[in-house]
Amino acid sequence: MATDMKGISIRINSDLKAQVDAVSERLGLPLSTAILMFLNSLARNQALPQELSMEAHIDADLIKKAAAVTQEMGLPLSTATTMFLKSIVRNQSIPKELFTLEEAPD
């Protein structure tokens, strides 16, 4: 019995492509295999892997409120989140004004 295979095509920016190619090479795993592993996990579990799911770590009401704010700013929440994460990586820190007194690092 032949397996019915379908192709997919995705577009990603060149920086991300270079990063995932490097990781794939370091792991000795073709990128197509890594993508298939992700897709199989998604189908099997009917959910994103835990580490990719923001809802697993962030209150759903907070996500809705943040989405409304970013929408008013003309930005999708995903874009605002990406901007924030890039800022953390670039500055190697989280802005102090985001911490409450209880959360602030020493």
C-alpha atoms as a PDB file:
ATOM      1  CA  MET A   1       0.000   0.000   0.000  1.00  0.00           C
ATOM      2  CA  ALA A   2       1.483   3.350  -1.076  1.00  0.00           C
ATOM      3  CA  THR A   3       1.546   6.208   1.384  1.00  0.00           C
ATOM      4  CA  ASP A   4      -0.314   9.293   0.204  1.00  0.00           C
ATOM      5  CA  MET A   5       2.125  12.177   0.697  1.00  0.00           C
ATOM      6  CA  LYS A   6       1.333  15.872   0.327  1.00  0.00           C
ATOM      7  CA  GLY A   7       3.808  18.721   0.131  1.00  0.00           C
ATOM      8  CA  ILE A   8       3.688  21.950   2.083  1.00  0.00           C
ATOM      9  CA  SER A   9       5.598  25.164   1.608  1.00  0.00           C
ATOM     10  CA  ILE A  10       6.333  27.830   4.198  1.00  0.00           C
ATOM     11  CA  ARG A  11       8.090  31.167   3.986  1.00  0.00           C
ATOM     12  CA  ILE A  12      10.368  32.278   6.818  1.00  0.00           C
ATOM     13  CA  ASN A  13      12.853  35.106   7.096  1.00  0.00           C
ATOM     14  CA  SER A  14      16.464  34.366   6.276  1.00  0.00           C
ATOM     15  CA  ASP A  15      17.720  34.905   9.856  1.00  0.00           C
ATOM     16  CA  LEU A  16      15.303  32.338  11.263  1.00  0.00           C
ATOM     17  CA  LYS A  17      16.197  29.928   8.455  1.00  0.00           C
ATOM     18  CA  ALA A  18      19.908  30.252   9.258  1.00  0.00           C
ATOM     19  CA  GLN A  19      19.247  29.667  12.961  1.00  0.00           C
ATOM     20  CA  VAL A  20      17.125  26.550  12.451  1.00  0.00           C
ATOM     21  CA  ASP A  21      19.557  25.197   9.864  1.00  0.00           C
ATOM     22  CA  ALA A  22      22.392  25.537  12.404  1.00  0.00           C
ATOM     23  CA  VAL A  23      20.390  23.796  15.127  1.00  0.00           C
ATOM     24  CA  SER A  24      19.290  21.073  12.733  1.00  0.00           C
ATOM     25  CA  GLU A  25      22.881  20.478  11.637  1.00  0.00           C
ATOM     26  CA  ARG A  26      24.127  20.424  15.236  1.00  0.00           C
ATOM     27  CA  LEU A  27      21.482  17.830  16.129  1.00  0.00           C
ATOM     28  CA  GLY A  28      22.232  15.776  13.025  1.00  0.00           C
ATOM     29  CA  LEU A  29      18.568  15.954  12.148  1.00  0.00           C
ATOM     30  CA  PRO A  30      17.299  17.121   8.764  1.00  0.00           C
ATOM     31  CA  LEU A  31      15.054  20.158   9.149  1.00  0.00           C
ATOM     32  CA  SER A  32      12.271  18.351   7.301  1.00  0.00           C
ATOM     33  CA  THR A  33      12.390  15.580   9.937  1.00  0.00           C
ATOM     34  CA  ALA A  34      12.194  18.124  12.765  1.00  0.00           C
ATOM     35  CA  ILE A  35       9.167  19.739  11.111  1.00  0.00           C
ATOM     36  CA  LEU A  36       7.530  16.328  10.644  1.00  0.00           C
ATOM     37  CA  MET A  37       8.148  15.558  14.328  1.00  0.00           C
ATOM     38  CA  PHE A  38       6.386  18.808  15.259  1.00  0.00           C
ATOM     39  CA  LEU A  39       3.455  18.093  12.922  1.00  0.00           C
ATOM     40  CA  ASN A  40       3.105  14.528  14.210  1.00  0.00           C
ATOM     41  CA  SER A  41       3.086  15.818  17.800  1.00  0.00           C
ATOM     42  CA  LEU A  42       0.472  18.432  16.900  1.00  0.00           C
ATOM     43  CA  ALA A  43      -1.778  15.813  15.287  1.00  0.00           C
ATOM     44  CA  ARG A  44      -1.255  13.205  18.006  1.00  0.00           C
ATOM     45  CA  ASN A  45      -1.871  15.564  20.952  1.00  0.00           C
ATOM     46  CA  GLN A  46      -4.359  17.875  19.239  1.00  0.00           C
ATOM     47  CA  ALA A  47      -2.464  20.772  20.827  1.00  0.00           C
ATOM     48  CA  LEU A  48       0.783  22.659  20.595  1.00  0.00           C
ATOM     49  CA  PRO A  49       3.666  21.231  22.580  1.00  0.00           C
ATOM     50  CA  GLN A  50       3.548  22.558  26.140  1.00  0.00           C
ATOM     51  CA  GLU A  51       6.600  24.773  25.721  1.00  0.00           C
ATOM     52  CA  LEU A  52       4.999  26.540  22.742  1.00  0.00           C
ATOM     53  CA  SER A  53       1.647  27.142  24.339  1.00  0.00           C
ATOM     54  CA  MET A  54       1.409  30.596  25.914  1.00  0.00           C
ATOM     55  CA  GLU A  55      -1.920  29.680  27.461  1.00  0.00           C
ATOM     56  CA  ALA A  56      -0.163  27.103  29.630  1.00  0.00           C
ATOM     57  CA  HIS A  57       1.726  29.898  31.393  1.00  0.00           C
ATOM     58  CA  ILE A  58      -0.372  33.034  30.971  1.00  0.00           C
ATOM     59  CA  ASP A  59      -3.905  33.678  32.181  1.00  0.00           C
ATOM     60  CA  ALA A  60      -6.379  33.615  29.249  1.00  0.00           C
ATOM     61  CA  ASP A  61      -7.991  36.864  30.438  1.00  0.00           C
ATOM     62  CA  LEU A  62      -4.585  38.563  30.408  1.00  0.00           C
ATOM     63  CA  ILE A  63      -4.057  37.406  26.819  1.00  0.00           C
ATOM     64  CA  LYS A  64      -7.431  38.850  25.772  1.00  0.00           C
ATOM     65  CA  LYS A  65      -6.685  42.188  27.459  1.00  0.00           C
ATOM     66  CA  ALA A  66      -3.221  42.375  25.900  1.00  0.00           C
ATOM     67  CA  ALA A  67      -4.641  41.505  22.475  1.00  0.00           C
ATOM     68  CA  ALA A  68      -7.179  44.331  22.799  1.00  0.00           C
ATOM     69  CA  VAL A  69      -4.469  46.830  23.752  1.00  0.00           C
ATOM     70  CA  THR A  70      -2.143  45.818  20.936  1.00  0.00           C
ATOM     71  CA  GLN A  71      -5.052  45.846  18.471  1.00  0.00           C
ATOM     72  CA  GLU A  72      -5.761  49.467  19.460  1.00  0.00           C
ATOM     73  CA  MET A  73      -2.096  50.165  18.702  1.00  0.00           C
ATOM     74  CA  GLY A  74      -2.501  48.570  15.275  1.00  0.00           C
ATOM     75  CA  LEU A  75      -0.311  45.564  16.128  1.00  0.00           C
ATOM     76  CA  PRO A  76      -1.215  41.889  16.337  1.00  0.00           C
ATOM     77  CA  LEU A  77      -0.430  40.448  19.774  1.00  0.00           C
ATOM     78  CA  SER A  78       2.057  38.070  18.142  1.00  0.00           C
ATOM     79  CA  THR A  79       4.015  41.015  16.723  1.00  0.00           C
ATOM     80  CA  ALA A  80       4.062  42.833  20.068  1.00  0.00           C
ATOM     81  CA  THR A  81       5.155  39.629  21.801  1.00  0.00           C
ATOM     82  CA  THR A  82       7.934  39.091  19.273  1.00  0.00           C
ATOM     83  CA  MET A  83       9.102  42.690  19.728  1.00  0.00           C
ATOM     84  CA  PHE A  84       9.182  42.203  23.509  1.00  0.00           C
ATOM     85  CA  LEU A  85      11.122  38.942  23.270  1.00  0.00           C
ATOM     86  CA  LYS A  86      13.636  40.456  20.849  1.00  0.00           C
ATOM     87  CA  SER A  87      14.104  43.342  23.301  1.00  0.00           C
ATOM     88  CA  ILE A  88      14.873  40.885  26.121  1.00  0.00           C
ATOM     89  CA  VAL A  89      17.420  39.074  23.949  1.00  0.00           C
ATOM     90  CA  ARG A  90      19.011  42.275  22.661  1.00  0.00           C
ATOM     91  CA  ASN A  91      19.286  43.875  26.132  1.00  0.00           C
ATOM     92  CA  GLN A  92      19.883  40.619  28.026  1.00  0.00           C
ATOM     93  CA  SER A  93      17.401  41.829  30.650  1.00  0.00           C
ATOM     94  CA  ILE A  94      13.760  42.613  31.334  1.00  0.00           C
ATOM     95  CA  PRO A  95      12.923  46.285  31.905  1.00  0.00           C
ATOM     96  CA  LYS A  96      12.763  46.934  35.668  1.00  0.00           C
ATOM     97  CA  GLU A  97       9.477  48.842  35.339  1.00  0.00           C
ATOM     98  CA  LEU A  98       7.751  45.570  34.398  1.00  0.00           C
ATOM     99  CA  PHE A  99       8.390  44.016  37.794  1.00  0.00           C
ATOM    100  CA  THR A 100       6.168  44.466  40.803  1.00  0.00           C
ATOM    101  CA  LEU A 101       7.973  44.759  44.115  1.00  0.00           C
ATOM    102  CA  GLU A 102       7.361  41.062  44.806  1.00  0.00           C
ATOM    103  CA  GLU A 103       8.742  39.946  41.430  1.00  0.00           C
ATOM    104  CA  ALA A 104      11.780  42.214  41.196  1.00  0.00           C
ATOM    105  CA  PRO A 105      15.102  40.381  41.156  1.00  0.00           C
ATOM    106  CA  ASP A 106      17.611  41.316  43.825  1.00  0.00           C
END
